[in-house]
Amino acid sequence: MPRLISDPQEGVDYYIVNIDGSIERSDAVETRLSYDLDGLSIGHHVCAVQSCNMWGESDASPFEFTSILPGAPSGVGLAV
């Protein structure tokens, strides 16, 4: 299952994850971001992540990625 992760970061209580305009809170797991991407549609996605604590939010860390299906296998046959 694909996950969105970050390097460990001290002092973070949670992260704000924005994928294609859908914003969700994700609690820090062992001082890092670990966000489940299972169920995300195939295609191009725009993402931004902010780290947060009781004092506020960091600047967003934006990036883009494309999820793709693998190509069909080739050379399939029987071995005798």
N, C-alpha and C. Protein backbone atom coordinates (compact mmCIF):
# COMPACT_ATOMS: atom_id res chain seq x y z
N MET A 1 0.84 -1.16 0.00
CA MET A 1 0.00 0.00 0.00
C MET A 1 0.90 1.24 0.00
N PRO A 2 0.67 2.17 -0.90
CA PRO A 2 1.51 3.37 -0.97
C PRO A 2 1.24 4.32 0.20
N ARG A 3 2.31 4.98 0.65
CA ARG A 3 2.20 5.93 1.76
C ARG A 3 2.98 7.19 1.41
N LEU A 4 2.50 8.30 1.89
CA LEU A 4 3.19 9.58 1.81
C LEU A 4 3.96 9.71 3.12
N ILE A 5 5.28 9.85 3.06
CA ILE A 5 6.09 9.88 4.27
C ILE A 5 7.00 11.10 4.30
N SER A 6 7.55 11.39 5.48
CA SER A 6 8.53 12.48 5.63
C SER A 6 9.68 11.98 6.48
N ASP A 7 10.74 12.75 6.50
CA ASP A 7 11.83 12.49 7.43
C ASP A 7 11.32 12.76 8.84
N PRO A 8 11.94 12.14 9.85
CA PRO A 8 11.56 12.44 11.23
C PRO A 8 11.72 13.94 11.53
N GLN A 9 10.82 14.47 12.35
CA GLN A 9 10.82 15.90 12.64
C GLN A 9 10.36 16.11 14.08
N GLU A 10 11.23 16.57 14.94
CA GLU A 10 10.89 16.79 16.35
C GLU A 10 9.93 17.96 16.51
N GLY A 11 9.07 17.88 17.51
CA GLY A 11 8.18 18.99 17.84
C GLY A 11 6.92 19.08 17.02
N VAL A 12 6.64 18.10 16.18
CA VAL A 12 5.45 18.12 15.34
C VAL A 12 4.37 17.27 15.99
N ASP A 13 3.17 17.84 16.11
CA ASP A 13 2.04 17.10 16.66
C ASP A 13 1.22 16.41 15.56
N TYR A 14 1.07 17.09 14.42
CA TYR A 14 0.30 16.53 13.32
C TYR A 14 0.70 17.24 12.02
N TYR A 15 0.21 16.71 10.90
CA TYR A 15 0.46 17.28 9.58
C TYR A 15 -0.88 17.60 8.92
N ILE A 16 -0.87 18.61 8.07
CA ILE A 16 -2.01 18.92 7.21
C ILE A 16 -1.61 18.46 5.81
N VAL A 17 -2.39 17.53 5.26
CA VAL A 17 -2.11 16.97 3.93
C VAL A 17 -3.20 17.44 2.98
N ASN A 18 -2.79 18.09 1.89
CA ASN A 18 -3.70 18.58 0.86
C ASN A 18 -3.36 17.87 -0.44
N ILE A 19 -4.24 16.99 -0.88
CA ILE A 19 -4.05 16.29 -2.16
C ILE A 19 -5.21 16.66 -3.06
N ASP A 20 -4.90 17.34 -4.14
CA ASP A 20 -5.90 17.75 -5.13
C ASP A 20 -7.04 18.54 -4.50
N GLY A 21 -6.73 19.36 -3.49
CA GLY A 21 -7.72 20.19 -2.85
C GLY A 21 -8.47 19.53 -1.70
N SER A 22 -8.23 18.25 -1.48
CA SER A 22 -8.85 17.54 -0.36
C SER A 22 -7.89 17.62 0.83
N ILE A 23 -8.32 18.28 1.91
CA ILE A 23 -7.44 18.55 3.05
C ILE A 23 -7.80 17.63 4.21
N GLU A 24 -6.78 16.96 4.77
CA GLU A 24 -6.98 16.08 5.91
C GLU A 24 -5.86 16.28 6.92
N ARG A 25 -6.19 16.01 8.17
CA ARG A 25 -5.20 16.04 9.24
C ARG A 25 -4.64 14.63 9.41
N SER A 26 -3.33 14.53 9.62
CA SER A 26 -2.68 13.24 9.84
C SER A 26 -1.76 13.38 11.06
N ASP A 27 -2.06 12.62 12.12
CA ASP A 27 -1.23 12.67 13.32
C ASP A 27 0.18 12.19 13.01
N ALA A 28 1.17 12.80 13.66
CA ALA A 28 2.56 12.38 13.50
C ALA A 28 2.71 10.96 14.07
N VAL A 29 3.41 10.11 13.34
CA VAL A 29 3.67 8.74 13.76
C VAL A 29 5.17 8.61 13.98
N GLU A 30 5.56 8.47 15.25
CA GLU A 30 6.98 8.37 15.60
C GLU A 30 7.77 9.53 14.99
N THR A 31 7.30 10.73 15.16
CA THR A 31 7.90 12.01 14.74
C THR A 31 7.96 12.20 13.22
N ARG A 32 7.17 11.47 12.47
CA ARG A 32 7.18 11.65 11.01
C ARG A 32 5.77 11.54 10.44
N LEU A 33 5.65 11.98 9.19
CA LEU A 33 4.40 11.83 8.45
C LEU A 33 4.35 10.42 7.87
N SER A 34 3.22 9.77 8.01
CA SER A 34 2.95 8.48 7.39
C SER A 34 1.48 8.47 7.01
N TYR A 35 1.19 8.84 5.76
CA TYR A 35 -0.18 9.06 5.29
C TYR A 35 -0.54 8.02 4.23
N ASP A 36 -1.61 7.29 4.45
CA ASP A 36 -2.04 6.21 3.56
C ASP A 36 -2.62 6.78 2.26
N LEU A 37 -2.08 6.34 1.13
CA LEU A 37 -2.57 6.78 -0.18
C LEU A 37 -3.44 5.72 -0.85
N ASP A 38 -3.75 4.66 -0.13
CA ASP A 38 -4.59 3.59 -0.68
C ASP A 38 -5.93 4.19 -1.11
N GLY A 39 -6.39 3.84 -2.27
CA GLY A 39 -7.66 4.34 -2.78
C GLY A 39 -7.53 5.60 -3.63
N LEU A 40 -6.32 6.16 -3.72
CA LEU A 40 -6.11 7.34 -4.56
C LEU A 40 -6.24 6.94 -6.02
N SER A 41 -6.91 7.74 -6.81
CA SER A 41 -7.13 7.42 -8.22
C SER A 41 -5.83 7.43 -9.01
N ILE A 42 -5.83 6.69 -10.10
CA ILE A 42 -4.69 6.68 -11.01
C ILE A 42 -4.64 8.02 -11.73
N GLY A 43 -3.44 8.59 -11.87
CA GLY A 43 -3.28 9.84 -12.60
C GLY A 43 -2.38 10.82 -11.88
N HIS A 44 -2.42 12.06 -12.34
CA HIS A 44 -1.57 13.14 -11.82
C HIS A 44 -2.21 13.76 -10.58
N HIS A 45 -1.37 14.03 -9.56
CA HIS A 45 -1.87 14.60 -8.31
C HIS A 45 -0.98 15.73 -7.84
N VAL A 46 -1.59 16.75 -7.26
CA VAL A 46 -0.88 17.88 -6.69
C VAL A 46 -1.04 17.79 -5.17
N CYS A 47 0.07 17.89 -4.46
CA CYS A 47 0.06 17.68 -3.03
C CYS A 47 0.84 18.79 -2.32
N ALA A 48 0.41 19.12 -1.10
CA ALA A 48 1.15 20.05 -0.24
C ALA A 48 0.98 19.55 1.19
N VAL A 49 2.07 19.60 1.96
CA VAL A 49 2.06 19.13 3.34
C VAL A 49 2.59 20.23 4.25
N GLN A 50 1.92 20.41 5.39
CA GLN A 50 2.38 21.35 6.41
C GLN A 50 2.56 20.59 7.72
N SER A 51 3.63 20.90 8.45
CA SER A 51 3.80 20.35 9.80
C SER A 51 3.22 21.34 10.80
N CYS A 52 2.62 20.81 11.88
CA CYS A 52 1.91 21.66 12.83
C CYS A 52 2.19 21.25 14.27
N ASN A 53 2.17 22.25 15.16
CA ASN A 53 2.19 21.99 16.59
C ASN A 53 1.24 22.98 17.25
N MET A 54 1.27 23.08 18.56
CA MET A 54 0.30 23.95 19.24
C MET A 54 0.49 25.42 18.92
N TRP A 55 1.61 25.79 18.33
CA TRP A 55 1.89 27.19 18.02
C TRP A 55 1.47 27.58 16.61
N GLY A 56 1.17 26.60 15.76
CA GLY A 56 0.75 26.95 14.41
C GLY A 56 1.23 25.97 13.37
N GLU A 57 1.28 26.46 12.12
CA GLU A 57 1.59 25.63 10.96
C GLU A 57 2.84 26.15 10.25
N SER A 58 3.57 25.23 9.66
CA SER A 58 4.73 25.61 8.84
C SER A 58 4.25 26.06 7.47
N ASP A 59 5.19 26.56 6.66
CA ASP A 59 4.89 26.79 5.26
C ASP A 59 4.63 25.44 4.61
N ALA A 60 3.87 25.43 3.53
CA ALA A 60 3.58 24.18 2.83
C ALA A 60 4.79 23.71 2.04
N SER A 61 4.93 22.40 1.95
CA SER A 61 5.96 21.77 1.13
C SER A 61 5.26 21.13 -0.06
N PRO A 62 5.19 21.84 -1.20
CA PRO A 62 4.41 21.33 -2.34
C PRO A 62 5.21 20.36 -3.22
N PHE A 63 4.50 19.43 -3.84
CA PHE A 63 5.09 18.56 -4.86
C PHE A 63 3.97 17.94 -5.68
N GLU A 64 4.34 17.34 -6.78
CA GLU A 64 3.38 16.68 -7.67
C GLU A 64 3.89 15.27 -7.96
N PHE A 65 2.95 14.35 -8.19
CA PHE A 65 3.33 13.00 -8.56
C PHE A 65 2.25 12.41 -9.45
N THR A 66 2.61 11.35 -10.16
CA THR A 66 1.68 10.65 -11.03
C THR A 66 1.67 9.18 -10.65
N SER A 67 0.50 8.65 -10.35
CA SER A 67 0.37 7.21 -10.10
C SER A 67 -0.04 6.55 -11.40
N ILE A 68 0.60 5.45 -11.73
CA ILE A 68 0.34 4.78 -13.01
C ILE A 68 0.17 3.28 -12.79
N LEU A 69 -0.55 2.67 -13.68
CA LEU A 69 -0.67 1.22 -13.69
C LEU A 69 0.50 0.64 -14.46
N PRO A 70 0.94 -0.56 -14.12
CA PRO A 70 2.01 -1.18 -14.90
C PRO A 70 1.49 -1.59 -16.27
N GLY A 71 2.40 -1.72 -17.23
CA GLY A 71 2.04 -2.18 -18.56
C GLY A 71 1.69 -3.66 -18.53
N ALA A 72 1.02 -4.11 -19.57
CA ALA A 72 0.67 -5.54 -19.68
C ALA A 72 1.95 -6.35 -19.84
N PRO A 73 1.98 -7.55 -19.28
CA PRO A 73 3.16 -8.40 -19.44
C PRO A 73 3.31 -8.83 -20.89
N SER A 74 4.56 -9.04 -21.28
CA SER A 74 4.81 -9.51 -22.65
C SER A 74 5.53 -10.85 -22.57
N GLY A 75 5.52 -11.57 -23.66
CA GLY A 75 6.22 -12.85 -23.73
C GLY A 75 5.61 -13.93 -22.84
N VAL A 76 4.31 -13.85 -22.63
CA VAL A 76 3.65 -14.85 -21.81
C VAL A 76 3.40 -16.10 -22.62
N GLY A 77 3.75 -17.25 -22.10
CA GLY A 77 3.55 -18.51 -22.82
C GLY A 77 3.81 -19.68 -21.90
N LEU A 78 3.80 -20.86 -22.46
CA LEU A 78 4.06 -22.08 -21.70
C LEU A 78 5.51 -22.51 -21.88
N ALA A 79 6.09 -22.98 -20.80
CA ALA A 79 7.43 -23.57 -20.87
C ALA A 79 7.25 -25.08 -20.74
N VAL A 80 7.93 -25.82 -21.60
CA VAL A 80 7.80 -27.27 -21.56
C VAL A 80 9.10 -27.89 -21.13
